[in-house]
Amino acid sequence: MPYLFHNPFKDRTDDVAAMALAGERIATNGASFKGMERPVVVLGLDLDPTKTDRIEEVRRAIYTAATRARSHLTVVGDPDGAAAYGFDELAEALRGAVAE
């Protein structure tokens, strides 16, 4: 599960690479996954609607984390948080997932 910004493996890229090669579950931020893919990625969005001054940084982080999934991506988050950042399509997708 990649976190957008929290990185429990900071400066431990060898550990992340070894875990990925071993097929282990890795819980870290999306930036740690740069250049690596996983069969399944669960992306938890914890977007603070009062800190929308980082929209482009958040957009890049979401894109990086989401594109690490080879076959299955699950996105979990508050639709209102996504909407506050102007991610209207993502907010609607999250709302639709709740309704189903």
Protein backbone atom coordinates (compact mmCIF):
# COMPACT_ATOMS: atom_id res chain seq x y z
CA MET A 1 0.00 0.00 0.00
CA PRO A 2 1.73 3.19 -1.03
CA TYR A 3 1.19 6.25 1.11
CA LEU A 4 1.28 9.57 -0.70
CA PHE A 5 3.90 11.20 1.49
CA HIS A 6 4.76 9.05 4.52
CA ASN A 7 7.78 6.88 3.80
CA PRO A 8 8.69 4.34 6.48
CA PHE A 9 11.51 3.13 4.18
CA LYS A 10 13.21 6.52 3.73
CA ASP A 11 16.81 5.99 2.56
CA ARG A 12 16.25 2.21 2.54
CA THR A 13 15.65 1.64 -1.18
CA ASP A 14 17.60 -1.63 -1.06
CA ASP A 15 15.09 -2.98 1.47
CA VAL A 16 12.14 -1.97 -0.75
CA ALA A 17 13.77 -3.56 -3.80
CA ALA A 18 14.50 -6.79 -1.91
CA MET A 19 10.92 -6.98 -0.63
CA ALA A 20 9.54 -6.34 -4.12
CA LEU A 21 11.73 -9.06 -5.62
CA ALA A 22 10.61 -11.47 -2.90
CA GLY A 23 6.96 -10.66 -3.64
CA GLU A 24 6.34 -9.34 -0.14
CA ARG A 25 3.69 -6.76 0.77
CA ILE A 26 5.21 -3.29 1.02
CA ALA A 27 3.57 -0.36 2.83
CA THR A 28 5.36 2.84 1.87
CA ASN A 29 4.83 6.02 -0.13
CA GLY A 30 4.41 6.16 -3.89
CA ALA A 31 7.79 7.84 -4.46
CA SER A 32 9.53 4.74 -3.09
CA PHE A 33 7.86 2.74 -5.84
CA LYS A 34 9.29 4.87 -8.64
CA GLY A 35 10.43 2.51 -11.35
CA MET A 36 8.84 -0.54 -9.67
CA GLU A 37 5.49 -2.19 -10.18
CA ARG A 38 3.38 -4.48 -8.03
CA PRO A 39 0.57 -6.80 -9.11
CA VAL A 40 -1.85 -5.13 -6.68
CA VAL A 41 -1.73 -1.63 -5.21
CA VAL A 42 -4.09 -0.27 -2.55
CA LEU A 43 -3.81 3.51 -2.53
CA GLY A 44 -5.18 5.24 0.56
CA LEU A 45 -5.90 8.92 0.00
CA ASP A 46 -5.84 11.06 3.12
CA LEU A 47 -6.24 14.49 1.54
CA ASP A 48 -6.49 17.45 3.90
CA PRO A 49 -9.00 19.86 2.30
CA THR A 50 -7.33 22.81 4.07
CA LYS A 51 -3.98 22.23 2.35
CA THR A 52 -4.88 22.55 -1.32
CA ASP A 53 -1.80 24.69 -2.02
CA ARG A 54 0.06 21.48 -2.95
CA ILE A 55 -2.29 20.40 -5.75
CA GLU A 56 0.38 19.64 -8.35
CA GLU A 57 2.54 17.75 -5.87
CA VAL A 58 -0.45 15.70 -4.74
CA ARG A 59 -1.52 15.09 -8.37
CA ARG A 60 1.96 13.74 -9.24
CA ALA A 61 2.05 11.58 -6.11
CA ILE A 62 -1.35 10.03 -6.90
CA TYR A 63 -0.32 9.39 -10.51
CA THR A 64 2.99 7.81 -9.50
CA ALA A 65 1.38 5.55 -6.90
CA ALA A 66 -1.56 4.57 -9.12
CA THR A 67 0.59 3.65 -12.10
CA ARG A 68 2.58 1.13 -10.05
CA ALA A 69 -0.31 -1.36 -10.21
CA ARG A 70 0.15 -4.03 -12.89
CA SER A 71 -3.23 -5.75 -12.67
CA HIS A 72 -5.36 -4.28 -9.87
CA LEU A 73 -5.64 -0.83 -8.29
CA THR A 74 -7.91 -0.06 -5.35
CA VAL A 75 -8.27 3.57 -4.30
CA VAL A 76 -9.73 4.36 -0.89
CA GLY A 77 -10.47 7.88 0.26
CA ASP A 78 -12.96 10.59 1.09
CA PRO A 79 -14.65 11.93 -2.06
CA ASP A 80 -15.00 15.36 -0.44
CA GLY A 81 -11.24 15.54 0.10
CA ALA A 82 -10.62 14.75 -3.57
CA ALA A 83 -13.21 17.34 -4.61
CA ALA A 84 -11.55 20.02 -2.44
CA TYR A 85 -8.38 19.54 -4.51
CA GLY A 86 -10.36 19.86 -7.74
CA PHE A 87 -10.02 16.16 -8.55
CA ASP A 88 -13.64 16.00 -9.64
CA GLU A 89 -13.39 12.82 -11.71
CA LEU A 90 -11.65 11.00 -8.86
CA ALA A 91 -14.24 12.29 -6.37
CA GLU A 92 -17.07 11.02 -8.58
CA ALA A 93 -15.38 7.63 -8.96
CA LEU A 94 -15.01 7.38 -5.18
CA ARG A 95 -18.65 8.35 -4.70
CA GLY A 96 -19.73 5.80 -7.30
CA ALA A 97 -17.74 3.06 -5.57
CA VAL A 98 -19.56 3.81 -2.32
CA ALA A 99 -22.96 3.69 -4.01
CA GLU A 100 -22.37 0.30 -5.62
